[in-house]
Amino acid sequence: MSTHVNGKDKGKVRLFALSTCQWCHKAKELLEELGVAFDYDYVDLLEGKEQNDALAIVERWSPNGGFPTIVIDDKRAILGFREQEIREAFGA
């Protein structure tokens, strides 16, 4: 189940991350720093159908299942911790 972080509405933003991944934590911190409203899932902490559904979404954008994956409006994704690309996507 996704956790919501309040902030400015920049579209439907969802971060798929692993709880043990330093780059995932950096991506989450950057989104918070930019003040973006987003939902996030620690995929490794999900179970059963929730985990399978999250992995299917990640694999749609990243066939190798890379983390972090930030999906924006179900139209594009930023794969990995690409600070500049994340800043540009959210107008920072």
N, C-alpha and C. Protein backbone atom coordinates (compact mmCIF):
# COMPACT_ATOMS: atom_id res chain seq x y z
N MET A 1 0.84 -1.18 0.00
CA MET A 1 0.00 0.00 0.00
C MET A 1 0.88 1.24 0.00
N SER A 2 0.57 2.17 -0.86
CA SER A 2 1.36 3.39 -1.00
C SER A 2 1.22 4.30 0.21
N THR A 3 2.29 5.01 0.49
CA THR A 3 2.29 6.05 1.51
C THR A 3 2.30 7.38 0.79
N HIS A 4 1.45 8.32 1.22
CA HIS A 4 1.37 9.62 0.56
C HIS A 4 2.21 10.65 1.30
N VAL A 5 2.89 11.50 0.52
CA VAL A 5 3.63 12.63 1.05
C VAL A 5 2.98 13.88 0.47
N ASN A 6 2.54 14.77 1.33
CA ASN A 6 1.89 16.00 0.87
C ASN A 6 2.91 16.97 0.28
N GLY A 7 2.43 17.77 -0.66
CA GLY A 7 3.27 18.78 -1.30
C GLY A 7 2.51 19.39 -2.45
N LYS A 8 3.25 20.05 -3.35
CA LYS A 8 2.64 20.68 -4.52
C LYS A 8 2.21 19.60 -5.51
N ASP A 9 1.05 19.82 -6.11
CA ASP A 9 0.55 18.87 -7.11
C ASP A 9 1.32 19.06 -8.41
N LYS A 10 2.12 18.08 -8.75
CA LYS A 10 2.88 18.09 -10.01
C LYS A 10 2.43 16.92 -10.88
N GLY A 11 1.16 16.53 -10.71
CA GLY A 11 0.64 15.37 -11.43
C GLY A 11 0.69 14.15 -10.52
N LYS A 12 0.34 13.02 -11.07
CA LYS A 12 0.35 11.77 -10.30
C LYS A 12 1.80 11.25 -10.28
N VAL A 13 2.43 11.33 -9.13
CA VAL A 13 3.84 10.95 -8.99
C VAL A 13 3.90 9.77 -8.02
N ARG A 14 4.56 8.70 -8.45
CA ARG A 14 4.69 7.52 -7.59
C ARG A 14 6.12 7.00 -7.66
N LEU A 15 6.70 6.85 -6.49
CA LEU A 15 8.06 6.35 -6.35
C LEU A 15 8.03 4.89 -5.92
N PHE A 16 8.68 4.05 -6.69
CA PHE A 16 8.85 2.65 -6.32
C PHE A 16 10.29 2.49 -5.85
N ALA A 17 10.45 2.00 -4.62
CA ALA A 17 11.76 1.97 -4.00
C ALA A 17 11.95 0.68 -3.21
N LEU A 18 13.18 0.46 -2.78
CA LEU A 18 13.50 -0.63 -1.86
C LEU A 18 13.93 0.00 -0.54
N SER A 19 13.50 -0.58 0.55
CA SER A 19 13.78 0.00 1.88
C SER A 19 15.26 0.01 2.21
N THR A 20 16.05 -0.84 1.55
CA THR A 20 17.47 -0.96 1.84
C THR A 20 18.36 -0.23 0.83
N CYS A 21 17.76 0.51 -0.10
CA CYS A 21 18.50 1.13 -1.20
C CYS A 21 18.82 2.59 -0.91
N GLN A 22 20.12 2.93 -0.84
CA GLN A 22 20.50 4.31 -0.53
C GLN A 22 20.04 5.27 -1.64
N TRP A 23 20.06 4.85 -2.89
CA TRP A 23 19.64 5.72 -3.99
C TRP A 23 18.14 5.96 -3.94
N CYS A 24 17.40 4.96 -3.49
CA CYS A 24 15.94 5.11 -3.32
C CYS A 24 15.65 6.15 -2.24
N HIS A 25 16.40 6.09 -1.14
CA HIS A 25 16.22 7.07 -0.06
C HIS A 25 16.58 8.47 -0.54
N LYS A 26 17.62 8.58 -1.37
CA LYS A 26 18.01 9.89 -1.91
C LYS A 26 16.91 10.44 -2.83
N ALA A 27 16.30 9.57 -3.63
CA ALA A 27 15.22 10.01 -4.52
C ALA A 27 14.04 10.51 -3.70
N LYS A 28 13.67 9.79 -2.66
CA LYS A 28 12.56 10.19 -1.78
C LYS A 28 12.87 11.53 -1.11
N GLU A 29 14.09 11.67 -0.60
CA GLU A 29 14.49 12.92 0.05
C GLU A 29 14.46 14.09 -0.93
N LEU A 30 14.89 13.86 -2.17
CA LEU A 30 14.89 14.93 -3.16
C LEU A 30 13.46 15.36 -3.50
N LEU A 31 12.56 14.40 -3.67
CA LEU A 31 11.17 14.75 -3.93
C LEU A 31 10.59 15.57 -2.78
N GLU A 32 10.93 15.18 -1.54
CA GLU A 32 10.46 15.93 -0.37
C GLU A 32 11.06 17.33 -0.37
N GLU A 33 12.36 17.43 -0.68
CA GLU A 33 13.04 18.73 -0.71
C GLU A 33 12.40 19.65 -1.75
N LEU A 34 11.99 19.08 -2.89
CA LEU A 34 11.38 19.86 -3.96
C LEU A 34 9.92 20.21 -3.66
N GLY A 35 9.38 19.63 -2.59
CA GLY A 35 8.02 19.94 -2.19
C GLY A 35 6.95 19.32 -3.06
N VAL A 36 7.28 18.20 -3.70
CA VAL A 36 6.36 17.52 -4.62
C VAL A 36 5.45 16.59 -3.82
N ALA A 37 4.16 16.60 -4.14
CA ALA A 37 3.24 15.60 -3.57
C ALA A 37 3.47 14.29 -4.33
N PHE A 38 3.63 13.20 -3.60
CA PHE A 38 3.85 11.92 -4.26
C PHE A 38 3.46 10.78 -3.33
N ASP A 39 3.32 9.61 -3.95
CA ASP A 39 3.08 8.37 -3.22
C ASP A 39 4.33 7.52 -3.40
N TYR A 40 4.63 6.71 -2.39
CA TYR A 40 5.77 5.82 -2.54
C TYR A 40 5.46 4.45 -1.96
N ASP A 41 6.14 3.46 -2.52
CA ASP A 41 6.04 2.09 -2.06
C ASP A 41 7.44 1.53 -1.88
N TYR A 42 7.68 0.91 -0.73
CA TYR A 42 8.89 0.11 -0.56
C TYR A 42 8.50 -1.30 -1.01
N VAL A 43 8.84 -1.62 -2.24
CA VAL A 43 8.37 -2.85 -2.88
C VAL A 43 8.80 -4.09 -2.10
N ASP A 44 10.00 -4.05 -1.49
CA ASP A 44 10.47 -5.22 -0.75
C ASP A 44 9.68 -5.47 0.54
N LEU A 45 8.91 -4.48 0.99
CA LEU A 45 8.12 -4.64 2.20
C LEU A 45 6.66 -5.00 1.90
N LEU A 46 6.30 -4.99 0.62
CA LEU A 46 4.95 -5.39 0.23
C LEU A 46 4.88 -6.91 0.19
N GLU A 47 3.67 -7.43 0.19
CA GLU A 47 3.50 -8.88 0.14
C GLU A 47 2.44 -9.25 -0.88
N GLY A 48 2.55 -10.46 -1.38
CA GLY A 48 1.51 -11.04 -2.23
C GLY A 48 1.17 -10.21 -3.45
N LYS A 49 -0.15 -10.01 -3.65
CA LYS A 49 -0.64 -9.31 -4.84
C LYS A 49 -0.13 -7.88 -4.90
N GLU A 50 -0.05 -7.19 -3.75
CA GLU A 50 0.45 -5.82 -3.76
C GLU A 50 1.87 -5.76 -4.31
N GLN A 51 2.72 -6.69 -3.86
CA GLN A 51 4.10 -6.71 -4.35
C GLN A 51 4.14 -7.07 -5.84
N ASN A 52 3.36 -8.05 -6.24
CA ASN A 52 3.33 -8.45 -7.65
C ASN A 52 2.87 -7.31 -8.54
N ASP A 53 1.83 -6.58 -8.10
CA ASP A 53 1.32 -5.44 -8.87
C ASP A 53 2.38 -4.35 -8.99
N ALA A 54 3.07 -4.05 -7.89
CA ALA A 54 4.11 -3.01 -7.91
C ALA A 54 5.25 -3.42 -8.83
N LEU A 55 5.67 -4.68 -8.75
CA LEU A 55 6.76 -5.15 -9.61
C LEU A 55 6.37 -5.10 -11.08
N ALA A 56 5.10 -5.39 -11.39
CA ALA A 56 4.64 -5.32 -12.78
C ALA A 56 4.73 -3.89 -13.31
N ILE A 57 4.40 -2.91 -12.47
CA ILE A 57 4.49 -1.51 -12.89
C ILE A 57 5.95 -1.13 -13.12
N VAL A 58 6.83 -1.50 -12.19
CA VAL A 58 8.26 -1.19 -12.33
C VAL A 58 8.81 -1.82 -13.60
N GLU A 59 8.47 -3.09 -13.85
CA GLU A 59 9.01 -3.79 -15.02
C GLU A 59 8.47 -3.22 -16.32
N ARG A 60 7.30 -2.59 -16.28
CA ARG A 60 6.77 -1.94 -17.49
C ARG A 60 7.71 -0.83 -17.93
N TRP A 61 8.25 -0.08 -16.96
CA TRP A 61 9.13 1.04 -17.26
C TRP A 61 10.59 0.64 -17.30
N SER A 62 10.95 -0.35 -16.50
CA SER A 62 12.34 -0.79 -16.38
C SER A 62 12.37 -2.31 -16.46
N PRO A 63 12.54 -2.86 -17.67
CA PRO A 63 12.47 -4.31 -17.85
C PRO A 63 13.40 -5.10 -16.92
N ASN A 64 14.48 -4.48 -16.49
CA ASN A 64 15.40 -5.16 -15.56
C ASN A 64 14.99 -4.97 -14.10
N GLY A 65 13.91 -4.24 -13.87
CA GLY A 65 13.41 -4.06 -12.52
C GLY A 65 14.29 -3.19 -11.65
N GLY A 66 14.79 -2.09 -12.21
CA GLY A 66 15.69 -1.22 -11.45
C GLY A 66 14.97 -0.30 -10.47
N PHE A 67 15.67 0.05 -9.41
CA PHE A 67 15.14 0.96 -8.39
C PHE A 67 16.15 2.06 -8.14
N PRO A 68 15.69 3.26 -7.81
CA PRO A 68 14.30 3.70 -7.73
C PRO A 68 13.70 3.91 -9.11
N THR A 69 12.38 3.82 -9.17
CA THR A 69 11.62 4.14 -10.38
C THR A 69 10.57 5.16 -9.98
N ILE A 70 10.60 6.32 -10.63
CA ILE A 70 9.61 7.37 -10.39
C ILE A 70 8.71 7.43 -11.62
N VAL A 71 7.42 7.14 -11.43
CA VAL A 71 6.46 7.16 -12.54
C VAL A 71 5.65 8.45 -12.43
N ILE A 72 5.57 9.18 -13.54
CA ILE A 72 4.89 10.47 -13.58
C ILE A 72 3.70 10.39 -14.52
N ASP A 73 2.51 10.56 -13.96
CA ASP A 73 1.25 10.57 -14.72
C ASP A 73 1.06 9.32 -15.59
N ASP A 74 1.67 8.22 -15.21
CA ASP A 74 1.59 6.97 -15.99
C ASP A 74 2.03 7.16 -17.44
N LYS A 75 2.81 8.24 -17.70
CA LYS A 75 3.23 8.54 -19.07
C LYS A 75 4.74 8.47 -19.26
N ARG A 76 5.46 8.69 -18.19
CA ARG A 76 6.93 8.64 -18.29
C ARG A 76 7.49 8.21 -16.96
N ALA A 77 8.75 7.80 -16.98
CA ALA A 77 9.40 7.36 -15.75
C ALA A 77 10.85 7.84 -15.73
N ILE A 78 11.33 8.07 -14.53
CA ILE A 78 12.74 8.37 -14.32
C ILE A 78 13.30 7.15 -13.60
N LEU A 79 14.29 6.53 -14.22
CA LEU A 79 14.87 5.29 -13.69
C LEU A 79 16.19 5.59 -13.01
N GLY A 80 16.32 5.15 -11.79
CA GLY A 80 17.55 5.41 -11.04
C GLY A 80 17.52 6.79 -10.42
N PHE A 81 18.55 7.09 -9.64
CA PHE A 81 18.65 8.41 -9.01
C PHE A 81 19.37 9.34 -9.97
N ARG A 82 18.57 10.05 -10.77
CA ARG A 82 19.11 11.03 -11.73
C ARG A 82 18.67 12.40 -11.24
N GLU A 83 19.50 12.97 -10.36
CA GLU A 83 19.12 14.21 -9.67
C GLU A 83 18.70 15.31 -10.63
N GLN A 84 19.49 15.58 -11.64
CA GLN A 84 19.19 16.67 -12.56
C GLN A 84 17.88 16.42 -13.29
N GLU A 85 17.67 15.19 -13.73
CA GLU A 85 16.43 14.85 -14.45
C GLU A 85 15.21 15.00 -13.53
N ILE A 86 15.35 14.61 -12.27
CA ILE A 86 14.26 14.75 -11.32
C ILE A 86 13.97 16.23 -11.08
N ARG A 87 15.02 17.03 -10.88
CA ARG A 87 14.83 18.48 -10.67
C ARG A 87 14.13 19.11 -11.88
N GLU A 88 14.56 18.75 -13.09
CA GLU A 88 13.96 19.32 -14.29
C GLU A 88 12.50 18.89 -14.46
N ALA A 89 12.20 17.64 -14.10
CA ALA A 89 10.84 17.14 -14.26
C ALA A 89 9.85 17.88 -13.37
N PHE A 90 10.35 18.39 -12.25
CA PHE A 90 9.46 19.04 -11.29
C PHE A 90 9.73 20.54 -11.17
N GLY A 91 10.38 21.10 -12.20
CA GLY A 91 10.53 22.53 -12.28
C GLY A 91 11.42 23.17 -11.25
N ALA A 92 12.47 22.45 -10.85
CA ALA A 92 13.37 23.01 -9.83
C ALA A 92 14.72 23.34 -10.44
